Amino acid sequence: MQVGEEFVATNKGGEVHTFTQVAEFGGGLVPLLNQLAHTPDVAPECKPEALEADDFVPPGGTYREPVSHSGNLKFQCCIHPWMRLEATSR
């Protein structure tokens, strides 16, 4: 990815997801799923007070995020914490 471009993620599955940029991977909103994923510590960006309604991507929906800085970027689903992505921007 290049700084200034837009990162686009499309939810092709059948469930709602988030595509949340996090400083470090961690747990999400659902305690049972955190337990199953062995991620007991919730990522601060995934706490309910940190998420907004447009952070939730319905099936068939698209999430867009401008790339504002270079480096390694981490994204995860705050509902399904094992769904993770690392990307590099320049």
PDB file of N, CA and C in Angstrom:
ATOM      1  N   MET A   1       0.840  -1.170   0.000  1.00  0.00           N
ATOM      2  CA  MET A   1       0.000   0.000   0.000  1.00  0.00           C
ATOM      3  C   MET A   1       0.888   1.237   0.000  1.00  0.00           C
ATOM      4  N   GLN A   2       0.346   2.293  -0.542  1.00  0.00           N
ATOM      5  CA  GLN A   2       1.063   3.560  -0.586  1.00  0.00           C
ATOM      6  C   GLN A   2       0.339   4.572   0.306  1.00  0.00           C
ATOM      7  N   VAL A   3       1.103   5.391   1.013  1.00  0.00           N
ATOM      8  CA  VAL A   3       0.513   6.475   1.794  1.00  0.00           C
ATOM      9  C   VAL A   3      -0.293   7.342   0.836  1.00  0.00           C
ATOM     10  N   GLY A   4      -1.479   7.718   1.253  1.00  0.00           N
ATOM     11  CA  GLY A   4      -2.365   8.513   0.422  1.00  0.00           C
ATOM     12  C   GLY A   4      -3.400   7.687  -0.316  1.00  0.00           C
ATOM     13  N   GLU A   5      -3.172   6.382  -0.437  1.00  0.00           N
ATOM     14  CA  GLU A   5      -4.151   5.504  -1.065  1.00  0.00           C
ATOM     15  C   GLU A   5      -5.213   5.116  -0.041  1.00  0.00           C
ATOM     16  N   GLU A   6      -6.216   4.436  -0.510  1.00  0.00           N
ATOM     17  CA  GLU A   6      -7.286   3.968   0.355  1.00  0.00           C
ATOM     18  C   GLU A   6      -7.240   2.450   0.423  1.00  0.00           C
ATOM     19  N   PHE A   7      -7.264   1.923   1.636  1.00  0.00           N
ATOM     20  CA  PHE A   7      -7.313   0.485   1.851  1.00  0.00           C
ATOM     21  C   PHE A   7      -8.785   0.086   1.826  1.00  0.00           C
ATOM     22  N   VAL A   8      -9.133  -0.907   1.028  1.00  0.00           N
ATOM     23  CA  VAL A   8     -10.521  -1.325   0.867  1.00  0.00           C
ATOM     24  C   VAL A   8     -10.649  -2.804   1.227  1.00  0.00           C
ATOM     25  N   ALA A   9     -11.596  -3.117   2.105  1.00  0.00           N
ATOM     26  CA  ALA A   9     -11.870  -4.501   2.485  1.00  0.00           C
ATOM     27  C   ALA A   9     -13.357  -4.767   2.276  1.00  0.00           C
ATOM     28  N   THR A  10     -13.686  -5.861   1.591  1.00  0.00           N
ATOM     29  CA  THR A  10     -15.065  -6.235   1.335  1.00  0.00           C
ATOM     30  C   THR A  10     -15.398  -7.492   2.116  1.00  0.00           C
ATOM     31  N   ASN A  11     -16.511  -7.478   2.819  1.00  0.00           N
ATOM     32  CA  ASN A  11     -16.963  -8.621   3.599  1.00  0.00           C
ATOM     33  C   ASN A  11     -17.718  -9.558   2.660  1.00  0.00           C
ATOM     34  N   LYS A  12     -17.080 -10.641   2.274  1.00  0.00           N
ATOM     35  CA  LYS A  12     -17.701 -11.615   1.379  1.00  0.00           C
ATOM     36  C   LYS A  12     -18.313 -12.783   2.143  1.00  0.00           C
ATOM     37  N   GLY A  13     -18.262 -12.716   3.463  1.00  0.00           N
ATOM     38  CA  GLY A  13     -18.815 -13.787   4.281  1.00  0.00           C
ATOM     39  C   GLY A  13     -20.275 -13.555   4.609  1.00  0.00           C
ATOM     40  N   GLY A  14     -20.804 -14.373   5.491  1.00  0.00           N
ATOM     41  CA  GLY A  14     -22.208 -14.298   5.850  1.00  0.00           C
ATOM     42  C   GLY A  14     -22.460 -13.704   7.221  1.00  0.00           C
ATOM     43  N   GLU A  15     -21.423 -13.138   7.852  1.00  0.00           N
ATOM     44  CA  GLU A  15     -21.564 -12.569   9.189  1.00  0.00           C
ATOM     45  C   GLU A  15     -21.013 -11.146   9.199  1.00  0.00           C
ATOM     46  N   VAL A  16     -21.436 -10.373  10.181  1.00  0.00           N
ATOM     47  CA  VAL A  16     -20.904  -9.028  10.380  1.00  0.00           C
ATOM     48  C   VAL A  16     -19.475  -9.147  10.916  1.00  0.00           C
ATOM     49  N   HIS A  17     -18.592  -8.276  10.447  1.00  0.00           N
ATOM     50  CA  HIS A  17     -17.215  -8.213  10.914  1.00  0.00           C
ATOM     51  C   HIS A  17     -16.839  -6.753  11.157  1.00  0.00           C
ATOM     52  N   THR A  18     -15.740  -6.551  11.853  1.00  0.00           N
ATOM     53  CA  THR A  18     -15.116  -5.233  11.866  1.00  0.00           C
ATOM     54  C   THR A  18     -13.777  -5.383  11.163  1.00  0.00           C
ATOM     55  N   PHE A  19     -13.272  -4.292  10.686  1.00  0.00           N
ATOM     56  CA  PHE A  19     -11.941  -4.255  10.100  1.00  0.00           C
ATOM     57  C   PHE A  19     -11.253  -3.102  10.800  1.00  0.00           C
ATOM     58  N   THR A  20     -10.669  -3.405  11.954  1.00  0.00           N
ATOM     59  CA  THR A  20     -10.210  -2.393  12.893  1.00  0.00           C
ATOM     60  C   THR A  20      -8.691  -2.351  12.937  1.00  0.00           C
ATOM     61  N   GLN A  21      -8.134  -1.152  12.758  1.00  0.00           N
ATOM     62  CA  GLN A  21      -6.689  -1.003  12.885  1.00  0.00           C
ATOM     63  C   GLN A  21      -6.345  -0.994  14.368  1.00  0.00           C
ATOM     64  N   VAL A  22      -5.380  -1.830  14.739  1.00  0.00           N
ATOM     65  CA  VAL A  22      -4.962  -1.958  16.136  1.00  0.00           C
ATOM     66  C   VAL A  22      -3.453  -1.770  16.239  1.00  0.00           C
ATOM     67  N   ALA A  23      -3.021  -1.315  17.420  1.00  0.00           N
ATOM     68  CA  ALA A  23      -1.583  -1.201  17.660  1.00  0.00           C
ATOM     69  C   ALA A  23      -0.972  -2.592  17.821  1.00  0.00           C
ATOM     70  N   GLU A  24      -1.675  -3.456  18.540  1.00  0.00           N
ATOM     71  CA  GLU A  24      -1.260  -4.840  18.752  1.00  0.00           C
ATOM     72  C   GLU A  24      -2.493  -5.725  18.698  1.00  0.00           C
ATOM     73  N   PHE A  25      -2.347  -6.925  18.167  1.00  0.00           N
ATOM     74  CA  PHE A  25      -3.459  -7.861  18.118  1.00  0.00           C
ATOM     75  C   PHE A  25      -3.888  -8.250  19.529  1.00  0.00           C
ATOM     76  N   GLY A  26      -5.174  -8.470  19.701  1.00  0.00           N
ATOM     77  CA  GLY A  26      -5.696  -8.869  21.009  1.00  0.00           C
ATOM     78  C   GLY A  26      -7.081  -9.445  20.855  1.00  0.00           C
ATOM     79  N   GLY A  27      -7.788  -9.495  21.966  1.00  0.00           N
ATOM     80  CA  GLY A  27      -9.141 -10.003  21.965  1.00  0.00           C
ATOM     81  C   GLY A  27     -10.109  -8.979  21.417  1.00  0.00           C
ATOM     82  N   GLY A  28     -11.373  -9.416  21.315  1.00  0.00           N
ATOM     83  CA  GLY A  28     -12.399  -8.551  20.761  1.00  0.00           C
ATOM     84  C   GLY A  28     -13.577  -8.374  21.700  1.00  0.00           C
ATOM     85  N   LEU A  29     -14.757  -8.202  21.115  1.00  0.00           N
ATOM     86  CA  LEU A  29     -15.978  -7.877  21.849  1.00  0.00           C
ATOM     87  C   LEU A  29     -16.657  -9.060  22.521  1.00  0.00           C
ATOM     88  N   VAL A  30     -16.378 -10.278  22.073  1.00  0.00           N
ATOM     89  CA  VAL A  30     -17.136 -11.444  22.532  1.00  0.00           C
ATOM     90  C   VAL A  30     -16.241 -12.308  23.432  1.00  0.00           C
ATOM     91  N   PRO A  31     -16.493 -12.283  24.756  1.00  0.00           N
ATOM     92  CA  PRO A  31     -15.632 -13.020  25.683  1.00  0.00           C
ATOM     93  C   PRO A  31     -15.446 -14.496  25.329  1.00  0.00           C
ATOM     94  N   LEU A  32     -16.505 -15.179  24.937  1.00  0.00           N
ATOM     95  CA  LEU A  32     -16.372 -16.610  24.607  1.00  0.00           C
ATOM     96  C   LEU A  32     -15.437 -16.803  23.412  1.00  0.00           C
ATOM     97  N   LEU A  33     -15.549 -15.959  22.397  1.00  0.00           N
ATOM     98  CA  LEU A  33     -14.662 -16.083  21.238  1.00  0.00           C
ATOM     99  C   LEU A  33     -13.223 -15.724  21.602  1.00  0.00           C
ATOM    100  N   ASN A  34     -13.034 -14.775  22.515  1.00  0.00           N
ATOM    101  CA  ASN A  34     -11.679 -14.472  23.003  1.00  0.00           C
ATOM    102  C   ASN A  34     -11.079 -15.696  23.689  1.00  0.00           C
ATOM    103  N   GLN A  35     -11.891 -16.366  24.478  1.00  0.00           N
ATOM    104  CA  GLN A  35     -11.423 -17.567  25.168  1.00  0.00           C
ATOM    105  C   GLN A  35     -11.040 -18.650  24.162  1.00  0.00           C
ATOM    106  N   LEU A  36     -11.888 -18.881  23.172  1.00  0.00           N
ATOM    107  CA  LEU A  36     -11.613 -19.908  22.166  1.00  0.00           C
ATOM    108  C   LEU A  36     -10.380 -19.568  21.337  1.00  0.00           C
ATOM    109  N   ALA A  37     -10.129 -18.281  21.120  1.00  0.00           N
ATOM    110  CA  ALA A  37      -8.980 -17.840  20.322  1.00  0.00           C
ATOM    111  C   ALA A  37      -7.725 -17.644  21.174  1.00  0.00           C
ATOM    112  N   HIS A  38      -7.845 -17.880  22.480  1.00  0.00           N
ATOM    113  CA  HIS A  38      -6.715 -17.703  23.408  1.00  0.00           C
ATOM    114  C   HIS A  38      -6.188 -16.267  23.359  1.00  0.00           C
ATOM    115  N   THR A  39      -7.122 -15.313  23.313  1.00  0.00           N
ATOM    116  CA  THR A  39      -6.776 -13.885  23.307  1.00  0.00           C
ATOM    117  C   THR A  39      -7.548 -13.195  24.432  1.00  0.00           C
ATOM    118  N   PRO A  40      -7.148 -13.435  25.696  1.00  0.00           N
ATOM    119  CA  PRO A  40      -7.921 -12.900  26.815  1.00  0.00           C
ATOM    120  C   PRO A  40      -7.842 -11.374  26.961  1.00  0.00           C
ATOM    121  N   ASP A  41      -6.770 -10.768  26.487  1.00  0.00           N
ATOM    122  CA  ASP A  41      -6.609  -9.323  26.636  1.00  0.00           C
ATOM    123  C   ASP A  41      -7.204  -8.614  25.428  1.00  0.00           C
ATOM    124  N   VAL A  42      -8.245  -7.837  25.668  1.00  0.00           N
ATOM    125  CA  VAL A  42      -8.944  -7.141  24.589  1.00  0.00           C
ATOM    126  C   VAL A  42      -8.078  -6.005  24.055  1.00  0.00           C
ATOM    127  N   ALA A  43      -7.965  -5.931  22.739  1.00  0.00           N
ATOM    128  CA  ALA A  43      -7.259  -4.806  22.114  1.00  0.00           C
ATOM    129  C   ALA A  43      -8.024  -3.531  22.460  1.00  0.00           C
ATOM    130  N   PRO A  44      -7.351  -2.471  22.918  1.00  0.00           N
ATOM    131  CA  PRO A  44      -8.063  -1.238  23.295  1.00  0.00           C
ATOM    132  C   PRO A  44      -8.965  -0.700  22.184  1.00  0.00           C
ATOM    133  N   GLU A  45      -8.556  -0.864  20.948  1.00  0.00           N
ATOM    134  CA  GLU A  45      -9.335  -0.370  19.813  1.00  0.00           C
ATOM    135  C   GLU A  45     -10.620  -1.170  19.604  1.00  0.00           C
ATOM    136  N   CYS A  46     -10.709  -2.347  20.254  1.00  0.00           N
ATOM    137  CA  CYS A  46     -11.882  -3.216  20.115  1.00  0.00           C
ATOM    138  C   CYS A  46     -12.849  -3.105  21.282  1.00  0.00           C
ATOM    139  N   LYS A  47     -12.550  -2.251  22.235  1.00  0.00           N
ATOM    140  CA  LYS A  47     -13.483  -2.068  23.350  1.00  0.00           C
ATOM    141  C   LYS A  47     -14.725  -1.346  22.836  1.00  0.00           C
ATOM    142  N   PRO A  48     -15.896  -1.684  23.380  1.00  0.00           N
ATOM    143  CA  PRO A  48     -17.143  -1.106  22.859  1.00  0.00           C
ATOM    144  C   PRO A  48     -17.135   0.414  22.749  1.00  0.00           C
ATOM    145  N   GLU A  49     -16.541   1.088  23.699  1.00  0.00           N
ATOM    146  CA  GLU A  49     -16.533   2.555  23.668  1.00  0.00           C
ATOM    147  C   GLU A  49     -15.624   3.120  22.570  1.00  0.00           C
ATOM    148  N   ALA A  50     -14.749   2.287  22.021  1.00  0.00           N
ATOM    149  CA  ALA A  50     -13.828   2.737  20.966  1.00  0.00           C
ATOM    150  C   ALA A  50     -14.408   2.540  19.566  1.00  0.00           C
ATOM    151  N   LEU A  51     -15.430   1.694  19.434  1.00  0.00           N
ATOM    152  CA  LEU A  51     -15.995   1.382  18.124  1.00  0.00           C
ATOM    153  C   LEU A  51     -17.188   2.275  17.811  1.00  0.00           C
ATOM    154  N   GLU A  52     -17.347   2.589  16.541  1.00  0.00           N
ATOM    155  CA  GLU A  52     -18.489   3.373  16.080  1.00  0.00           C
ATOM    156  C   GLU A  52     -19.348   2.484  15.179  1.00  0.00           C
ATOM    157  N   ALA A  53     -20.573   2.887  14.947  1.00  0.00           N
ATOM    158  CA  ALA A  53     -21.508   2.075  14.161  1.00  0.00           C
ATOM    159  C   ALA A  53     -20.954   1.729  12.789  1.00  0.00           C
ATOM    160  N   ASP A  54     -20.226   2.658  12.154  1.00  0.00           N
ATOM    161  CA  ASP A  54     -19.716   2.382  10.803  1.00  0.00           C
ATOM    162  C   ASP A  54     -18.480   1.489  10.797  1.00  0.00           C
ATOM    163  N   ASP A  55     -18.011   1.071  11.974  1.00  0.00           N
ATOM    164  CA  ASP A  55     -16.902   0.115  12.052  1.00  0.00           C
ATOM    165  C   ASP A  55     -17.372  -1.310  11.762  1.00  0.00           C
ATOM    166  N   PHE A  56     -18.680  -1.546  11.833  1.00  0.00           N
ATOM    167  CA  PHE A  56     -19.239  -2.874  11.614  1.00  0.00           C
ATOM    168  C   PHE A  56     -19.613  -3.019  10.143  1.00  0.00           C
ATOM    169  N   VAL A  57     -19.057  -4.059   9.514  1.00  0.00           N
ATOM    170  CA  VAL A  57     -19.232  -4.267   8.076  1.00  0.00           C
ATOM    171  C   VAL A  57     -20.177  -5.453   7.867  1.00  0.00           C
ATOM    172  N   PRO A  58     -21.379  -5.199   7.339  1.00  0.00           N
ATOM    173  CA  PRO A  58     -22.327  -6.298   7.129  1.00  0.00           C
ATOM    174  C   PRO A  58     -21.905  -7.167   5.952  1.00  0.00           C
ATOM    175  N   PRO A  59     -22.485  -8.368   5.832  1.00  0.00           N
ATOM    176  CA  PRO A  59     -22.193  -9.203   4.667  1.00  0.00           C
ATOM    177  C   PRO A  59     -22.435  -8.411   3.368  1.00  0.00           C
ATOM    178  N   GLY A  60     -21.454  -8.463   2.488  1.00  0.00           N
ATOM    179  CA  GLY A  60     -21.539  -7.730   1.231  1.00  0.00           C
ATOM    180  C   GLY A  60     -21.102  -6.285   1.337  1.00  0.00           C
ATOM    181  N   GLY A  61     -20.844  -5.812   2.554  1.00  0.00           N
ATOM    182  CA  GLY A  61     -20.444  -4.422   2.768  1.00  0.00           C
ATOM    183  C   GLY A  61     -18.960  -4.209   2.534  1.00  0.00           C
ATOM    184  N   THR A  62     -18.573  -2.950   2.448  1.00  0.00           N
ATOM    185  CA  THR A  62     -17.181  -2.581   2.201  1.00  0.00           C
ATOM    186  C   THR A  62     -16.725  -1.582   3.253  1.00  0.00           C
ATOM    187  N   TYR A  63     -15.498  -1.753   3.707  1.00  0.00           N
ATOM    188  CA  TYR A  63     -14.871  -0.841   4.663  1.00  0.00           C
ATOM    189  C   TYR A  63     -13.724  -0.145   3.952  1.00  0.00           C
ATOM    190  N   ARG A  64     -13.612   1.149   4.150  1.00  0.00           N
ATOM    191  CA  ARG A  64     -12.537   1.927   3.528  1.00  0.00           C
ATOM    192  C   ARG A  64     -11.770   2.680   4.606  1.00  0.00           C
ATOM    193  N   GLU A  65     -10.453   2.678   4.453  1.00  0.00           N
ATOM    194  CA  GLU A  65      -9.578   3.356   5.417  1.00  0.00           C
ATOM    195  C   GLU A  65      -8.459   4.035   4.648  1.00  0.00           C
ATOM    196  N   PRO A  66      -8.315   5.352   4.769  1.00  0.00           N
ATOM    197  CA  PRO A  66      -7.189   6.005   4.108  1.00  0.00           C
ATOM    198  C   PRO A  66      -5.873   5.604   4.777  1.00  0.00           C
ATOM    199  N   VAL A  67      -4.845   5.414   3.984  1.00  0.00           N
ATOM    200  CA  VAL A  67      -3.517   5.079   4.512  1.00  0.00           C
ATOM    201  C   VAL A  67      -2.801   6.403   4.753  1.00  0.00           C
ATOM    202  N   SER A  68      -2.604   6.715   6.030  1.00  0.00           N
ATOM    203  CA  SER A  68      -2.081   8.036   6.381  1.00  0.00           C
ATOM    204  C   SER A  68      -0.613   8.043   6.792  1.00  0.00           C
ATOM    205  N   HIS A  69      -0.026   6.861   7.015  1.00  0.00           N
ATOM    206  CA  HIS A  69       1.386   6.830   7.404  1.00  0.00           C
ATOM    207  C   HIS A  69       2.036   5.530   6.927  1.00  0.00           C
ATOM    208  N   SER A  70       3.343   5.561   6.847  1.00  0.00           N
ATOM    209  CA  SER A  70       4.074   4.376   6.397  1.00  0.00           C
ATOM    210  C   SER A  70       4.402   3.478   7.584  1.00  0.00           C
ATOM    211  N   GLY A  71       4.698   2.229   7.265  1.00  0.00           N
ATOM    212  CA  GLY A  71       5.074   1.267   8.286  1.00  0.00           C
ATOM    213  C   GLY A  71       4.192   0.033   8.242  1.00  0.00           C
ATOM    214  N   ASN A  72       4.316  -0.787   9.268  1.00  0.00           N
ATOM    215  CA  ASN A  72       3.505  -1.997   9.366  1.00  0.00           C
ATOM    216  C   ASN A  72       2.172  -1.648  10.014  1.00  0.00           C
ATOM    217  N   LEU A  73       1.098  -2.042   9.372  1.00  0.00           N
ATOM    218  CA  LEU A  73      -0.241  -1.782   9.874  1.00  0.00           C
ATOM    219  C   LEU A  73      -0.882  -3.106  10.259  1.00  0.00           C
ATOM    220  N   LYS A  74      -1.617  -3.110  11.360  1.00  0.00           N
ATOM    221  CA  LYS A  74      -2.297  -4.318  11.830  1.00  0.00           C
ATOM    222  C   LYS A  74      -3.792  -4.045  11.876  1.00  0.00           C
ATOM    223  N   PHE A  75      -4.561  -4.991  11.341  1.00  0.00           N
ATOM    224  CA  PHE A  75      -6.009  -4.922  11.360  1.00  0.00           C
ATOM    225  C   PHE A  75      -6.545  -6.239  11.910  1.00  0.00           C
ATOM    226  N   GLN A  76      -7.664  -6.170  12.621  1.00  0.00           N
ATOM    227  CA  GLN A  76      -8.309  -7.389  13.094  1.00  0.00           C
ATOM    228  C   GLN A  76      -9.813  -7.174  13.155  1.00  0.00           C
ATOM    229  N   CYS A  77     -10.530  -8.271  13.188  1.00  0.00           N
ATOM    230  CA  CYS A  77     -11.972  -8.230  13.415  1.00  0.00           C
ATOM    231  C   CYS A  77     -12.185  -8.216  14.926  1.00  0.00           C
ATOM    232  N   CYS A  78     -12.920  -7.235  15.411  1.00  0.00           N
ATOM    233  CA  CYS A  78     -13.167  -7.138  16.848  1.00  0.00           C
ATOM    234  C   CYS A  78     -14.256  -8.088  17.328  1.00  0.00           C
ATOM    235  N   ILE A  79     -14.878  -8.798  16.422  1.00  0.00           N
ATOM    236  CA  ILE A  79     -15.836  -9.835  16.791  1.00  0.00           C
ATOM    237  C   ILE A  79     -15.136 -11.191  16.778  1.00  0.00           C
ATOM    238  N   HIS A  80     -14.363 -11.446  15.725  1.00  0.00           N
ATOM    239  CA  HIS A  80     -13.649 -12.715  15.539  1.00  0.00           C
ATOM    240  C   HIS A  80     -12.147 -12.409  15.606  1.00  0.00           C
ATOM    241  N   PRO A  81     -11.537 -12.423  16.798  1.00  0.00           N
ATOM    242  CA  PRO A  81     -10.173 -11.915  16.964  1.00  0.00           C
ATOM    243  C   PRO A  81      -9.077 -12.721  16.271  1.00  0.00           C
ATOM    244  N   TRP A  82      -9.399 -13.886  15.756  1.00  0.00           N
ATOM    245  CA  TRP A  82      -8.400 -14.649  15.000  1.00  0.00           C
ATOM    246  C   TRP A  82      -8.286 -14.168  13.553  1.00  0.00           C
ATOM    247  N   MET A  83      -9.210 -13.335  13.135  1.00  0.00           N
ATOM    248  CA  MET A  83      -9.174 -12.785  11.774  1.00  0.00           C
ATOM    249  C   MET A  83      -8.274 -11.553  11.811  1.00  0.00           C
ATOM    250  N   ARG A  84      -7.076 -11.703  11.268  1.00  0.00           N
ATOM    251  CA  ARG A  84      -6.041 -10.661  11.372  1.00  0.00           C
ATOM    252  C   ARG A  84      -5.355 -10.433  10.034  1.00  0.00           C
ATOM    253  N   LEU A  85      -4.827  -9.239   9.878  1.00  0.00           N
ATOM    254  CA  LEU A  85      -4.086  -8.890   8.682  1.00  0.00           C
ATOM    255  C   LEU A  85      -2.965  -7.933   9.047  1.00  0.00           C
ATOM    256  N   GLU A  86      -1.792  -8.192   8.515  1.00  0.00           N
ATOM    257  CA  GLU A  86      -0.688  -7.242   8.616  1.00  0.00           C
ATOM    258  C   GLU A  86      -0.374  -6.763   7.209  1.00  0.00           C
ATOM    259  N   ALA A  87      -0.217  -5.467   7.063  1.00  0.00           N
ATOM    260  CA  ALA A  87       0.089  -4.874   5.771  1.00  0.00           C
ATOM    261  C   ALA A  87       1.195  -3.844   5.958  1.00  0.00           C
ATOM    262  N   THR A  88       1.943  -3.604   4.901  1.00  0.00           N
ATOM    263  CA  THR A  88       3.014  -2.611   4.937  1.00  0.00           C
ATOM    264  C   THR A  88       2.657  -1.471   3.995  1.00  0.00           C
ATOM    265  N   SER A  89       2.791  -0.274   4.515  1.00  0.00           N
ATOM    266  CA  SER A  89       2.568   0.897   3.660  1.00  0.00           C
ATOM    267  C   SER A  89       3.883   1.648   3.494  1.00  0.00           C
ATOM    268  N   ARG A  90       4.000   2.289   2.325  1.00  0.00           N
ATOM    269  CA  ARG A  90       5.218   3.051   2.028  1.00  0.00           C
ATOM    270  C   ARG A  90       4.857   4.453   1.640  1.00  0.00           C
TER     271      ARG A  90
END
